[in-house]
Amino acid sequence: MWKWSGSNLLALGVLIAILLIFLPLHKVLRIVSTNGGKVFLCAEMAESEEFILSFIHSVNKRPVYDTLKVEGDHLLIVKSRYDSLALECQKLQRKPPN
């Protein structure tokens, strides 16, 4: 039969402390610079939570607003919104390859 001696209780306490320190208790979104590692954003995120990421498009130089959703351990783009139809018009003008 297992006896709970002082050293066993100490070992169990240390194990529980390690698990609490290193196991993630919540999801955190971190946006970090690829050169230098500067953290731009650190925010707690819940499962299925949505947020909007905005940026300037490299081709038409206009804002784009992407709505992203937390799905497990990844992000899913739910929708993208443009402030102009320039990108959509470019897509419509393209002809399919022969």
Protein backbone atom coordinates (compact mmCIF):
# COMPACT_ATOMS: atom_id res chain seq x y z
CA MET A 1 0.00 0.00 0.00
CA TRP A 2 1.20 3.52 -0.82
CA LYS A 3 2.28 5.62 2.16
CA TRP A 4 2.35 9.40 1.99
CA SER A 5 5.65 10.34 3.56
CA GLY A 6 7.01 13.87 3.69
CA SER A 7 9.27 13.33 0.66
CA ASN A 8 6.40 11.87 -1.40
CA LEU A 9 4.20 14.86 -0.60
CA LEU A 10 7.04 17.24 -1.45
CA ALA A 11 7.63 15.49 -4.79
CA LEU A 12 3.90 15.62 -5.56
CA GLY A 13 3.80 19.33 -4.70
CA VAL A 14 6.78 20.06 -6.95
CA LEU A 15 5.18 18.09 -9.80
CA ILE A 16 1.91 20.00 -9.46
CA ALA A 17 3.78 23.32 -9.36
CA ILE A 18 5.70 22.44 -12.54
CA LEU A 19 2.50 21.46 -14.34
CA LEU A 20 0.77 24.68 -13.33
CA ILE A 21 3.71 26.77 -14.51
CA PHE A 22 4.30 25.08 -17.87
CA LEU A 23 0.85 23.91 -18.96
CA PRO A 24 -1.08 26.61 -20.80
CA LEU A 25 -4.27 27.47 -18.95
CA HIS A 26 -5.53 29.76 -21.71
CA LYS A 27 -4.74 30.62 -25.32
CA VAL A 28 -2.70 33.70 -26.05
CA LEU A 29 -2.29 35.37 -29.43
CA ARG A 30 1.17 36.86 -29.86
CA ILE A 31 2.10 38.95 -32.88
CA VAL A 32 5.89 39.15 -33.01
CA SER A 33 8.35 40.76 -35.42
CA THR A 34 10.29 38.20 -37.45
CA ASN A 35 13.47 40.24 -37.17
CA GLY A 36 14.30 41.08 -33.60
CA GLY A 37 11.39 39.36 -31.88
CA LYS A 38 9.62 42.57 -30.81
CA VAL A 39 6.15 41.75 -29.44
CA PHE A 40 3.48 43.96 -31.05
CA LEU A 41 0.47 42.31 -29.42
CA CYS A 42 -0.16 39.78 -26.68
CA ALA A 43 -3.85 39.05 -26.00
CA GLU A 44 -5.77 36.22 -24.34
CA MET A 45 -8.12 34.55 -26.84
CA ALA A 46 -11.02 32.17 -26.21
CA GLU A 47 -12.02 29.29 -28.50
CA SER A 48 -14.15 30.57 -31.44
CA GLU A 49 -13.34 34.20 -30.59
CA GLU A 50 -13.06 36.50 -33.61
CA PHE A 51 -10.88 39.54 -34.16
CA ILE A 52 -10.06 41.86 -37.06
CA LEU A 53 -6.58 42.26 -38.49
CA SER A 54 -6.14 45.27 -40.77
CA PHE A 55 -3.28 46.03 -43.13
CA ILE A 56 -2.46 47.98 -46.28
CA HIS A 57 -2.55 45.86 -49.43
CA SER A 58 0.80 45.78 -51.23
CA VAL A 59 -0.66 46.18 -54.76
CA ASN A 60 -3.50 48.71 -54.56
CA LYS A 61 -2.21 50.43 -51.38
CA ARG A 62 -5.69 50.35 -49.79
CA PRO A 63 -6.76 48.94 -46.40
CA VAL A 64 -7.87 45.33 -46.04
CA TYR A 65 -9.77 44.04 -42.99
CA ASP A 66 -9.54 40.31 -42.31
CA THR A 67 -11.79 38.75 -39.69
CA LEU A 68 -10.04 35.78 -38.09
CA LYS A 69 -11.42 33.14 -35.73
CA VAL A 70 -9.59 30.98 -33.17
CA GLU A 71 -10.06 27.32 -34.12
CA GLY A 72 -8.12 24.93 -31.89
CA ASP A 73 -4.43 25.75 -32.29
CA HIS A 74 -4.76 27.76 -35.51
CA LEU A 75 -6.52 30.80 -36.98
CA LEU A 76 -9.21 30.67 -39.66
CA ILE A 77 -9.94 33.61 -41.98
CA VAL A 78 -13.70 34.06 -41.76
CA LYS A 79 -14.01 37.02 -44.14
CA SER A 80 -12.00 39.74 -45.83
CA ARG A 81 -13.28 43.26 -46.46
CA TYR A 82 -11.75 45.78 -48.86
CA ASP A 83 -12.57 49.48 -48.90
CA SER A 84 -12.58 49.49 -52.71
CA LEU A 85 -13.43 47.12 -55.53
CA ALA A 86 -10.03 47.43 -57.19
CA LEU A 87 -8.99 43.91 -56.25
CA GLU A 88 -12.31 42.36 -57.25
CA CYS A 89 -12.22 44.16 -60.59
CA GLN A 90 -8.75 42.79 -61.26
CA LYS A 91 -10.01 39.26 -60.62
CA LEU A 92 -12.98 39.72 -62.95
CA GLN A 93 -10.81 41.09 -65.78
CA ARG A 94 -8.46 38.10 -65.78
CA LYS A 95 -9.09 35.54 -68.47
CA PRO A 96 -8.74 31.85 -67.66
CA PRO A 97 -5.73 30.14 -69.28
CA ASN A 98 -6.37 28.20 -72.49
